[in-house]
PDB file of N, CA and C in Angstrom:
ATOM      1  N   MET A   1      96.497 115.155  82.996  1.00  0.00           N
ATOM      2  CA  MET A   1      98.102 114.608  82.535  1.00  0.00           C
ATOM      3  C   MET A   1      96.766 113.704  81.317  1.00  0.00           C
ATOM      4  N   VAL A   2      96.020 113.320  82.275  1.00  0.00           N
ATOM      5  CA  VAL A   2      94.462 111.485  81.410  1.00  0.00           C
ATOM      6  C   VAL A   2      93.685 113.004  80.351  1.00  0.00           C
ATOM      7  N   TYR A   3      93.985 114.231  80.800  1.00  0.00           N
ATOM      8  CA  TYR A   3      93.040 114.941  79.811  1.00  0.00           C
ATOM      9  C   TYR A   3      94.014 114.683  78.482  1.00  0.00           C
ATOM     10  N   GLN A   4      94.830 115.680  78.563  1.00  0.00           N
ATOM     11  CA  GLN A   4      95.912 115.807  77.800  1.00  0.00           C
ATOM     12  C   GLN A   4      95.853 114.228  77.139  1.00  0.00           C
ATOM     13  N   ARG A   5      96.261 113.399  77.743  1.00  0.00           N
ATOM     14  CA  ARG A   5      96.481 111.492  76.660  1.00  0.00           C
ATOM     15  C   ARG A   5      95.083 111.888  75.841  1.00  0.00           C
ATOM     16  N   LYS A   6      93.771 111.943  76.204  1.00  0.00           N
ATOM     17  CA  LYS A   6      92.712 111.929  75.818  1.00  0.00           C
ATOM     18  C   LYS A   6      92.334 112.515  74.212  1.00  0.00           C
ATOM     19  N   ARG A   7      92.502 113.608  74.834  1.00  0.00           N
ATOM     20  CA  ARG A   7      92.331 114.811  73.966  1.00  0.00           C
ATOM     21  C   ARG A   7      93.188 114.434  72.766  1.00  0.00           C
ATOM     22  N   GLN A   8      94.441 114.246  73.307  1.00  0.00           N
ATOM     23  CA  GLN A   8      95.666 113.910  71.879  1.00  0.00           C
ATOM     24  C   GLN A   8      95.013 112.266  70.930  1.00  0.00           C
ATOM     25  N   GLN A   9      94.386 111.646  72.175  1.00  0.00           N
ATOM     26  CA  GLN A   9      93.777 110.485  71.116  1.00  0.00           C
ATOM     27  C   GLN A   9      92.860 110.927  70.154  1.00  0.00           C
ATOM     28  N   HIS A  10      92.115 112.280  70.315  1.00  0.00           N
ATOM     29  CA  HIS A  10      90.546 112.325  69.747  1.00  0.00           C
ATOM     30  C   HIS A  10      91.344 113.536  68.386  1.00  0.00           C
ATOM     31  N   GLN A  11      92.171 113.749  68.816  1.00  0.00           N
ATOM     32  CA  GLN A  11      93.013 114.443  67.637  1.00  0.00           C
ATOM     33  C   GLN A  11      93.648 113.031  66.683  1.00  0.00           C
ATOM     34  N   ARG A  12      94.184 112.456  66.517  1.00  0.00           N
ATOM     35  CA  ARG A  12      94.747 110.782  66.193  1.00  0.00           C
ATOM     36  C   ARG A  12      93.585 110.743  65.530  1.00  0.00           C
ATOM     37  N   ILE A  13      92.578 110.102  66.421  1.00  0.00           N
ATOM     38  CA  ILE A  13      91.096 109.912  65.415  1.00  0.00           C
ATOM     39  C   ILE A  13      90.463 110.623  64.183  1.00  0.00           C
ATOM     40  N   ASP A  14      90.742 111.837  64.629  1.00  0.00           N
ATOM     41  CA  ASP A  14      89.570 112.501  63.807  1.00  0.00           C
ATOM     42  C   ASP A  14      90.507 112.916  62.713  1.00  0.00           C
ATOM     43  N   GLN A  15      92.069 112.588  62.669  1.00  0.00           N
ATOM     44  CA  GLN A  15      93.381 113.004  61.578  1.00  0.00           C
ATOM     45  C   GLN A  15      93.058 111.772  60.364  1.00  0.00           C
ATOM     46  N   GLN A  16      92.335 110.371  61.215  1.00  0.00           N
ATOM     47  CA  GLN A  16      92.313 109.035  60.965  1.00  0.00           C
ATOM     48  C   GLN A  16      91.081 109.496  60.310  1.00  0.00           C
ATOM     49  N   SER A  17      90.301 109.812  61.000  1.00  0.00           N
ATOM     50  CA  SER A  17      88.801 109.282  59.934  1.00  0.00           C
ATOM     51  C   SER A  17      89.127 110.511  58.668  1.00  0.00           C
ATOM     52  N   GLN A  18      89.241 112.304  58.790  1.00  0.00           N
ATOM     53  CA  GLN A  18      89.467 113.325  58.051  1.00  0.00           C
ATOM     54  C   GLN A  18      90.226 112.056  56.653  1.00  0.00           C
ATOM     55  N   GLN A  19      91.420 111.262  57.236  1.00  0.00           N
ATOM     56  CA  GLN A  19      92.163 110.866  56.004  1.00  0.00           C
ATOM     57  C   GLN A  19      91.649 109.893  54.890  1.00  0.00           C
ATOM     58  N   LEU A  20      90.859 109.073  56.501  1.00  0.00           N
ATOM     59  CA  LEU A  20      89.630 108.216  55.575  1.00  0.00           C
ATOM     60  C   LEU A  20      89.139 108.674  54.692  1.00  0.00           C
ATOM     61  N   HIS A  21      88.088 110.076  54.614  1.00  0.00           N
ATOM     62  CA  HIS A  21      87.256 110.782  54.015  1.00  0.00           C
ATOM     63  C   HIS A  21      87.850 111.171  52.903  1.00  0.00           C
ATOM     64  N   LEU A  22      89.607 111.577  52.974  1.00  0.00           N
ATOM     65  CA  LEU A  22      90.071 111.315  51.843  1.00  0.00           C
ATOM     66  C   LEU A  22      90.071 110.573  50.626  1.00  0.00           C
ATOM     67  N   CYS A  23      90.436 109.233  51.442  1.00  0.00           N
ATOM     68  CA  CYS A  23      90.181 108.698  50.144  1.00  0.00           C
ATOM     69  C   CYS A  23      88.761 108.425  50.025  1.00  0.00           C
ATOM     70  N   ILE A  24      87.878 108.531  50.664  1.00  0.00           N
ATOM     71  CA  ILE A  24      86.636 107.834  50.456  1.00  0.00           C
ATOM     72  C   ILE A  24      86.034 109.008  48.883  1.00  0.00           C
ATOM     73  N   ALA A  25      86.095 110.170  48.984  1.00  0.00           N
ATOM     74  CA  ALA A  25      86.021 111.252  48.479  1.00  0.00           C
ATOM     75  C   ALA A  25      86.417 110.885  46.978  1.00  0.00           C
ATOM     76  N   GLN A  26      88.406 111.092  47.065  1.00  0.00           N
ATOM     77  CA  GLN A  26      89.042 110.107  46.050  1.00  0.00           C
ATOM     78  C   GLN A  26      88.216 108.745  45.066  1.00  0.00           C
ATOM     79  N   LYS A  27      87.602 107.681  46.204  1.00  0.00           N
ATOM     80  CA  LYS A  27      86.737 107.061  45.307  1.00  0.00           C
ATOM     81  C   LYS A  27      85.128 107.542  44.355  1.00  0.00           C
ATOM     82  N   VAL A  28      84.676 108.481  45.557  1.00  0.00           N
ATOM     83  CA  VAL A  28      83.318 108.270  44.853  1.00  0.00           C
ATOM     84  C   VAL A  28      83.759 109.165  43.930  1.00  0.00           C
ATOM     85  N   LEU A  29      84.368 109.997  43.249  1.00  0.00           N
ATOM     86  CA  LEU A  29      85.060 110.131  42.119  1.00  0.00           C
ATOM     87  C   LEU A  29      85.492 109.523  41.406  1.00  0.00           C
ATOM     88  N   ALA A  30      85.663 108.974  41.382  1.00  0.00           N
ATOM     89  CA  ALA A  30      86.302 107.572  40.835  1.00  0.00           C
ATOM     90  C   ALA A  30      84.870 106.963  40.125  1.00  0.00           C
ATOM     91  N   LYS A  31      84.238 106.847  40.932  1.00  0.00           N
ATOM     92  CA  LYS A  31      82.609 106.092  40.893  1.00  0.00           C
ATOM     93  C   LYS A  31      81.941 106.653  41.102  1.00  0.00           C
ATOM     94  N   PRO A  32      81.922 107.087  40.497  1.00  0.00           N
ATOM     95  CA  PRO A  32      80.196 108.735  40.444  1.00  0.00           C
ATOM     96  C   PRO A  32      79.135 107.340  40.974  1.00  0.00           C
ATOM     97  N   GLU A  33      78.959 106.235  40.586  1.00  0.00           N
ATOM     98  CA  GLU A  33      77.596 105.709  41.373  1.00  0.00           C
ATOM     99  C   GLU A  33      77.605 105.303  42.262  1.00  0.00           C
ATOM    100  N   LEU A  34      78.744 105.536  43.055  1.00  0.00           N
ATOM    101  CA  LEU A  34      78.151 105.626  44.417  1.00  0.00           C
ATOM    102  C   LEU A  34      77.713 106.276  45.204  1.00  0.00           C
ATOM    103  N   MET A  35      77.725 107.702  44.390  1.00  0.00           N
ATOM    104  CA  MET A  35      76.844 108.599  44.958  1.00  0.00           C
ATOM    105  C   MET A  35      75.491 108.350  45.435  1.00  0.00           C
ATOM    106  N   ASP A  36      74.554 107.110  44.667  1.00  0.00           N
ATOM    107  CA  ASP A  36      73.520 106.915  44.710  1.00  0.00           C
ATOM    108  C   ASP A  36      73.186 106.309  46.083  1.00  0.00           C
ATOM    109  N   THR A  37      74.244 105.610  46.796  1.00  0.00           N
ATOM    110  CA  THR A  37      73.503 104.772  47.773  1.00  0.00           C
ATOM    111  C   THR A  37      74.392 105.504  49.212  1.00  0.00           C
ATOM    112  N   VAL A  38      75.112 107.055  48.612  1.00  0.00           N
ATOM    113  CA  VAL A  38      75.233 107.566  49.926  1.00  0.00           C
ATOM    114  C   VAL A  38      74.091 108.445  50.221  1.00  0.00           C
ATOM    115  N   THR A  39      73.350 108.952  49.560  1.00  0.00           N
ATOM    116  CA  THR A  39      72.294 110.333  49.265  1.00  0.00           C
ATOM    117  C   THR A  39      71.259 109.271  50.251  1.00  0.00           C
ATOM    118  N   GLU A  40      71.042 108.397  49.047  1.00  0.00           N
ATOM    119  CA  GLU A  40      69.882 106.951  49.880  1.00  0.00           C
ATOM    120  C   GLU A  40      70.404 107.363  51.286  1.00  0.00           C
ATOM    121  N   ARG A  41      71.534 106.884  51.893  1.00  0.00           N
ATOM    122  CA  ARG A  41      70.954 106.382  53.038  1.00  0.00           C
ATOM    123  C   ARG A  41      71.355 107.735  53.767  1.00  0.00           C
ATOM    124  N   LEU A  42      71.977 108.250  53.386  1.00  0.00           N
ATOM    125  CA  LEU A  42      71.921 110.454  54.810  1.00  0.00           C
ATOM    126  C   LEU A  42      69.676 110.326  54.273  1.00  0.00           C
ATOM    127  N   ASN A  43      69.583 109.868  53.232  1.00  0.00           N
ATOM    128  CA  ASN A  43      68.052 110.612  53.367  1.00  0.00           C
ATOM    129  C   ASN A  43      67.104 109.860  54.789  1.00  0.00           C
ATOM    130  N   ARG A  44      67.650 108.716  54.506  1.00  0.00           N
ATOM    131  CA  ARG A  44      67.131 107.396  54.931  1.00  0.00           C
ATOM    132  C   ARG A  44      67.459 107.474  57.008  1.00  0.00           C
ATOM    133  N   ARG A  45      68.732 107.834  57.259  1.00  0.00           N
ATOM    134  CA  ARG A  45      69.220 108.463  58.517  1.00  0.00           C
ATOM    135  C   ARG A  45      68.675 109.964  59.015  1.00  0.00           C
ATOM    136  N   TYR A  46      68.398 110.623  58.307  1.00  0.00           N
ATOM    137  CA  TYR A  46      66.923 111.742  58.682  1.00  0.00           C
ATOM    138  C   TYR A  46      65.927 111.381  59.021  1.00  0.00           C
ATOM    139  N   GLN A  47      64.962 110.217  57.784  1.00  0.00           N
ATOM    140  CA  GLN A  47      63.788 110.039  57.764  1.00  0.00           C
ATOM    141  C   GLN A  47      63.642 108.554  59.178  1.00  0.00           C
ATOM    142  N   ASP A  48      64.813 108.620  59.437  1.00  0.00           N
ATOM    143  CA  ASP A  48      64.542 107.786  60.852  1.00  0.00           C
ATOM    144  C   ASP A  48      64.809 107.644  61.742  1.00  0.00           C
ATOM    145  N   LYS A  49      65.482 109.847  62.311  1.00  0.00           N
ATOM    146  CA  LYS A  49      65.229 110.509  62.878  1.00  0.00           C
ATOM    147  C   LYS A  49      66.733 110.505  63.098  1.00  0.00           C
ATOM    148  N   LEU A  50      68.098 109.131  62.861  1.00  0.00           N
ATOM    149  CA  LEU A  50      69.354 108.985  62.817  1.00  0.00           C
ATOM    150  C   LEU A  50      70.448 110.465  62.925  1.00  0.00           C
ATOM    151  N   MET A  51      69.419 111.561  62.614  1.00  0.00           N
ATOM    152  CA  MET A  51      70.477 112.442  62.467  1.00  0.00           C
ATOM    153  C   MET A  51      69.542 113.837  63.263  1.00  0.00           C
ATOM    154  N   GLY A  52      70.117 115.310  63.354  1.00  0.00           N
ATOM    155  CA  GLY A  52      69.991 116.189  63.163  1.00  0.00           C
ATOM    156  C   GLY A  52      69.067 116.717  62.065  1.00  0.00           C
ATOM    157  N   TYR A  53      68.351 117.706  61.901  1.00  0.00           N
ATOM    158  CA  TYR A  53      68.528 118.496  60.707  1.00  0.00           C
ATOM    159  C   TYR A  53      69.446 119.521  60.273  1.00  0.00           C
ATOM    160  N   GLY A  54      69.802 119.934  61.341  1.00  0.00           N
ATOM    161  CA  GLY A  54      71.288 120.830  61.317  1.00  0.00           C
ATOM    162  C   GLY A  54      72.537 119.546  60.756  1.00  0.00           C
ATOM    163  N   SER A  55      72.662 118.738  60.859  1.00  0.00           N
ATOM    164  CA  SER A  55      73.550 117.348  60.153  1.00  0.00           C
ATOM    165  C   SER A  55      73.301 117.450  58.846  1.00  0.00           C
ATOM    166  N   TYR A  56      72.104 116.360  58.152  1.00  0.00           N
ATOM    167  CA  TYR A  56      71.555 116.985  57.415  1.00  0.00           C
ATOM    168  C   TYR A  56      71.734 117.747  56.085  1.00  0.00           C
ATOM    169  N   LEU A  57      71.474 119.036  56.796  1.00  0.00           N
ATOM    170  CA  LEU A  57      71.526 120.300  56.122  1.00  0.00           C
ATOM    171  C   LEU A  57      73.072 120.506  55.221  1.00  0.00           C
ATOM    172  N   HIS A  58      73.958 120.137  56.604  1.00  0.00           N
ATOM    173  CA  HIS A  58      75.375 119.843  56.216  1.00  0.00           C
ATOM    174  C   HIS A  58      75.904 119.394  55.749  1.00  0.00           C
ATOM    175  N   TRP A  59      75.732 117.801  55.608  1.00  0.00           N
ATOM    176  CA  TRP A  59      75.811 116.730  54.086  1.00  0.00           C
ATOM    177  C   TRP A  59      75.675 116.633  53.684  1.00  0.00           C
ATOM    178  N   GLN A  60      74.574 117.578  53.448  1.00  0.00           N
ATOM    179  CA  GLN A  60      73.599 117.926  52.158  1.00  0.00           C
ATOM    180  C   GLN A  60      74.663 118.905  51.291  1.00  0.00           C
ATOM    181  N   ALA A  61      74.448 119.798  51.892  1.00  0.00           N
ATOM    182  CA  ALA A  61      75.458 120.752  51.607  1.00  0.00           C
ATOM    183  C   ALA A  61      77.156 120.261  50.669  1.00  0.00           C
ATOM    184  N   ILE A  62      78.026 119.552  52.045  1.00  0.00           N
ATOM    185  CA  ILE A  62      78.953 118.207  51.013  1.00  0.00           C
ATOM    186  C   ILE A  62      78.800 117.430  50.213  1.00  0.00           C
ATOM    187  N   LEU A  63      77.394 117.083  49.996  1.00  0.00           N
ATOM    188  CA  LEU A  63      77.275 116.211  48.712  1.00  0.00           C
ATOM    189  C   LEU A  63      77.417 117.357  47.095  1.00  0.00           C
ATOM    190  N   ALA A  64      76.262 118.457  47.514  1.00  0.00           N
ATOM    191  CA  ALA A  64      76.585 119.049  46.596  1.00  0.00           C
ATOM    192  C   ALA A  64      77.632 119.578  46.236  1.00  0.00           C
ATOM    193  N   GLU A  65      79.069 119.886  46.432  1.00  0.00           N
ATOM    194  CA  GLU A  65      80.118 120.084  46.519  1.00  0.00           C
ATOM    195  C   GLU A  65      80.343 119.313  44.921  1.00  0.00           C
ATOM    196  N   PHE A  66      80.323 117.498  44.704  1.00  0.00           N
ATOM    197  CA  PHE A  66      80.177 116.620  43.983  1.00  0.00           C
ATOM    198  C   PHE A  66      79.377 116.871  42.570  1.00  0.00           C
ATOM    199  N   PRO A  67      80.302 117.173  41.804  1.00  0.00           N
ATOM    200  CA  PRO A  67      81.794 115.944  41.540  1.00  0.00           C
ATOM    201  C   PRO A  67      82.468 116.865  41.221  1.00  0.00           C
ATOM    202  N   ASN A  68      82.491 118.557  41.778  1.00  0.00           N
ATOM    203  CA  ASN A  68      83.995 118.977  41.624  1.00  0.00           C
ATOM    204  C   ASN A  68      85.127 118.977  42.615  1.00  0.00           C
ATOM    205  N   ASN A  69      85.660 117.728  41.276  1.00  0.00           N
ATOM    206  CA  ASN A  69      86.945 117.142  42.922  1.00  0.00           C
ATOM    207  C   ASN A  69      87.159 118.214  44.025  1.00  0.00           C
ATOM    208  N   GLU A  70      87.695 119.480  42.903  1.00  0.00           N
ATOM    209  CA  GLU A  70      88.924 120.032  44.910  1.00  0.00           C
ATOM    210  C   GLU A  70      87.715 120.770  45.523  1.00  0.00           C
ATOM    211  N   ARG A  71      87.142 120.828  45.343  1.00  0.00           N
ATOM    212  CA  ARG A  71      85.521 121.464  46.287  1.00  0.00           C
ATOM    213  C   ARG A  71      85.258 120.000  46.798  1.00  0.00           C
ATOM    214  N   PHE A  72      84.680 119.136  46.727  1.00  0.00           N
ATOM    215  CA  PHE A  72      84.036 117.995  47.334  1.00  0.00           C
ATOM    216  C   PHE A  72      84.686 117.877  47.488  1.00  0.00           C
ATOM    217  N   ILE A  73      86.629 117.171  47.635  1.00  0.00           N
ATOM    218  CA  ILE A  73      87.280 116.868  48.317  1.00  0.00           C
ATOM    219  C   ILE A  73      87.577 117.732  49.520  1.00  0.00           C
ATOM    220  N   ALA A  74      87.650 119.283  49.575  1.00  0.00           N
ATOM    221  CA  ALA A  74      87.782 120.223  50.418  1.00  0.00           C
ATOM    222  C   ALA A  74      86.288 119.533  51.417  1.00  0.00           C
ATOM    223  N   ALA A  75      85.037 119.858  51.059  1.00  0.00           N
ATOM    224  CA  ALA A  75      84.469 119.580  51.705  1.00  0.00           C
ATOM    225  C   ALA A  75      84.714 118.689  52.700  1.00  0.00           C
ATOM    226  N   MET A  76      84.714 117.075  52.116  1.00  0.00           N
ATOM    227  CA  MET A  76      85.055 116.321  52.825  1.00  0.00           C
ATOM    228  C   MET A  76      85.896 115.621  53.963  1.00  0.00           C
ATOM    229  N   THR A  77      87.176 116.915  53.544  1.00  0.00           N
ATOM    230  CA  THR A  77      87.909 116.907  54.646  1.00  0.00           C
ATOM    231  C   THR A  77      88.335 117.959  55.578  1.00  0.00           C
ATOM    232  N   SER A  78      87.601 119.074  55.358  1.00  0.00           N
ATOM    233  CA  SER A  78      87.846 120.237  56.044  1.00  0.00           C
ATOM    234  C   SER A  78      87.801 120.325  57.401  1.00  0.00           C
ATOM    235  N   ASN A  79      88.632 120.917  58.308  1.00  0.00           N
ATOM    236  CA  ASN A  79      88.802 121.242  59.106  1.00  0.00           C
ATOM    237  C   ASN A  79      88.231 121.490  60.362  1.00  0.00           C
ATOM    238  N   ASP A  80      87.334 122.244  59.925  1.00  0.00           N
ATOM    239  CA  ASP A  80      85.785 122.935  60.677  1.00  0.00           C
ATOM    240  C   ASP A  80      85.756 122.012  61.563  1.00  0.00           C
ATOM    241  N   SER A  81      85.142 122.302  62.786  1.00  0.00           N
ATOM    242  CA  SER A  81      84.516 121.151  63.797  1.00  0.00           C
ATOM    243  C   SER A  81      82.872 120.696  63.704  1.00  0.00           C
ATOM    244  N   THR A  82      82.555 121.312  62.886  1.00  0.00           N
ATOM    245  CA  THR A  82      81.108 120.637  62.751  1.00  0.00           C
ATOM    246  C   THR A  82      81.455 119.387  61.257  1.00  0.00           C
ATOM    247  N   THR A  83      82.286 119.345  60.652  1.00  0.00           N
ATOM    248  CA  THR A  83      82.814 118.164  59.553  1.00  0.00           C
ATOM    249  C   THR A  83      82.678 117.801  60.470  1.00  0.00           C
ATOM    250  N   THR A  84      84.187 117.762  61.258  1.00  0.00           N
ATOM    251  CA  THR A  84      85.284 117.064  61.854  1.00  0.00           C
ATOM    252  C   THR A  84      84.096 116.003  63.132  1.00  0.00           C
ATOM    253  N   ARG A  85      83.146 116.976  63.578  1.00  0.00           N
ATOM    254  CA  ARG A  85      82.040 115.941  64.087  1.00  0.00           C
ATOM    255  C   ARG A  85      80.890 115.542  63.285  1.00  0.00           C
ATOM    256  N   LEU A  86      80.791 115.763  61.848  1.00  0.00           N
ATOM    257  CA  LEU A  86      80.139 115.013  60.994  1.00  0.00           C
ATOM    258  C   LEU A  86      80.635 113.285  60.524  1.00  0.00           C
ATOM    259  N   ARG A  87      82.303 113.502  61.080  1.00  0.00           N
ATOM    260  CA  ARG A  87      82.381 112.362  60.584  1.00  0.00           C
ATOM    261  C   ARG A  87      82.939 111.570  61.155  1.00  0.00           C
ATOM    262  N   ARG A  88      82.455 112.590  62.565  1.00  0.00           N
ATOM    263  CA  ARG A  88      82.229 110.587  63.435  1.00  0.00           C
ATOM    264  C   ARG A  88      81.365 110.240  62.985  1.00  0.00           C
ATOM    265  N   ALA A  89      80.312 110.626  62.302  1.00  0.00           N
ATOM    266  CA  ALA A  89      79.148 109.281  62.110  1.00  0.00           C
ATOM    267  C   ALA A  89      79.035 109.284  60.769  1.00  0.00           C
ATOM    268  N   THR A  90      79.620 109.287  59.789  1.00  0.00           N
ATOM    269  CA  THR A  90      79.804 108.885  58.715  1.00  0.00           C
ATOM    270  C   THR A  90      78.373 108.446  57.923  1.00  0.00           C
ATOM    271  N   ILE A  91      78.212 109.219  56.792  1.00  0.00           N
ATOM    272  CA  ILE A  91      77.514 108.449  56.012  1.00  0.00           C
ATOM    273  C   ILE A  91      78.053 107.958  54.870  1.00  0.00           C
ATOM    274  N   PHE A  92      79.026 107.499  54.781  1.00  0.00           N
ATOM    275  CA  PHE A  92      80.176 107.070  53.920  1.00  0.00           C
ATOM    276  C   PHE A  92      80.275 105.471  53.942  1.00  0.00           C
ATOM    277  N   THR A  93      80.193 105.098  55.528  1.00  0.00           N
ATOM    278  CA  THR A  93      80.634 103.725  55.337  1.00  0.00           C
ATOM    279  C   THR A  93      80.228 103.234  54.412  1.00  0.00           C
ATOM    280  N   GLY A  94      80.707 101.770  54.236  1.00  0.00           N
ATOM    281  CA  GLY A  94      81.127 100.714  53.537  1.00  0.00           C
ATOM    282  C   GLY A  94      81.166 101.043  51.744  1.00  0.00           C
ATOM    283  N   ILE A  95      81.693 102.380  52.186  1.00  0.00           N
ATOM    284  CA  ILE A  95      82.863 102.531  50.854  1.00  0.00           C
ATOM    285  C   ILE A  95      83.656 102.538  50.613  1.00  0.00           C
ATOM    286  N   LEU A  96      84.744 101.936  51.551  1.00  0.00           N
ATOM    287  CA  LEU A  96      86.185 101.529  51.323  1.00  0.00           C
ATOM    288  C   LEU A  96      86.284  99.966  51.372  1.00  0.00           C
ATOM    289  N   SER A  97      86.596  99.265  50.760  1.00  0.00           N
ATOM    290  CA  SER A  97      86.860  97.788  51.433  1.00  0.00           C
ATOM    291  C   SER A  97      87.899  97.387  52.666  1.00  0.00           C
ATOM    292  N   GLU A  98      88.124  97.263  53.250  1.00  0.00           N
ATOM    293  CA  GLU A  98      88.514  97.286  54.033  1.00  0.00           C
ATOM    294  C   GLU A  98      90.609  96.848  53.739  1.00  0.00           C
ATOM    295  N   GLU A  99      90.372  96.083  52.915  1.00  0.00           N
ATOM    296  CA  GLU A  99      91.483  96.411  52.238  1.00  0.00           C
ATOM    297  C   GLU A  99      91.581  98.238  51.975  1.00  0.00           C
ATOM    298  N   GLU A 100      90.908  98.652  51.093  1.00  0.00           N
ATOM    299  CA  GLU A 100      91.608 100.035  50.854  1.00  0.00           C
ATOM    300  C   GLU A 100      91.176 101.433  52.302  1.00  0.00           C
ATOM    301  N   ARG A 101      90.866 100.500  53.101  1.00  0.00           N
ATOM    302  CA  ARG A 101      90.809 101.421  54.772  1.00  0.00           C
ATOM    303  C   ARG A 101      92.443 101.073  54.650  1.00  0.00           C
ATOM    304  N   ASN A 102      92.486 100.013  55.120  1.00  0.00           N
ATOM    305  CA  ASN A 102      93.956  99.897  55.625  1.00  0.00           C
ATOM    306  C   ASN A 102      95.415 100.496  55.201  1.00  0.00           C
ATOM    307  N   ASP A 103      95.041 100.270  53.180  1.00  0.00           N
ATOM    308  CA  ASP A 103      96.119 101.225  52.892  1.00  0.00           C
ATOM    309  C   ASP A 103      96.027 102.249  52.853  1.00  0.00           C
ATOM    310  N   CYS A 104      94.771 103.057  53.033  1.00  0.00           N
ATOM    311  CA  CYS A 104      94.409 104.496  53.385  1.00  0.00           C
ATOM    312  C   CYS A 104      94.788 105.084  54.517  1.00  0.00           C
ATOM    313  N   LEU A 105      95.199 103.927  55.490  1.00  0.00           N
ATOM    314  CA  LEU A 105      96.252 104.452  56.994  1.00  0.00           C
ATOM    315  C   LEU A 105      97.034 104.786  56.595  1.00  0.00           C
ATOM    316  N   ALA A 106      97.794 103.201  56.099  1.00  0.00           N
ATOM    317  CA  ALA A 106      99.029 103.294  55.960  1.00  0.00           C
ATOM    318  C   ALA A 106      99.508 104.476  55.077  1.00  0.00           C
ATOM    319  N   ALA A 107      99.438 105.086  54.557  1.00  0.00           N
ATOM    320  CA  ALA A 107      99.408 106.008  53.504  1.00  0.00           C
ATOM    321  C   ALA A 107     100.048 107.560  54.131  1.00  0.00           C
ATOM    322  N   PRO A 108     100.705 108.904  53.533  1.00  0.00           N
ATOM    323  CA  PRO A 108     101.183 109.616  54.317  1.00  0.00           C
ATOM    324  C   PRO A 108     100.411 110.490  54.485  1.00  0.00           C
ATOM    325  N   PHE A 109      99.516 111.406  54.903  1.00  0.00           N
ATOM    326  CA  PHE A 109      97.998 112.094  55.301  1.00  0.00           C
ATOM    327  C   PHE A 109      98.819 112.711  53.814  1.00  0.00           C
ATOM    328  N   GLU A 110      97.942 113.767  53.060  1.00  0.00           N
ATOM    329  CA  GLU A 110      98.194 114.694  52.225  1.00  0.00           C
ATOM    330  C   GLU A 110      98.047 116.245  52.849  1.00  0.00           C
TER     331      GLU A 110
END
């Protein structure tokens, strides 16, 4: 019973993260200059050994889909286990304001 509740809680958190990353992707596509900050953050985290090589490569693959709208959004919101895990330690921190974040989570998920 406790395990099931915990699992449901993790699923809800992962769904919220997926929804936030959809909003982040839409904002980055609308403001491409934000990608410079994201790319710098990715490289800095890798150089500072805050992420492994596999995570670094996976984020690189996601960023490589930019600026193709459909492919970038699909990569950012993928349901695969690797992308779900990556979103838990996202490189897209600070892209959404608190208001944008709240609006995003209040909106129905597509």
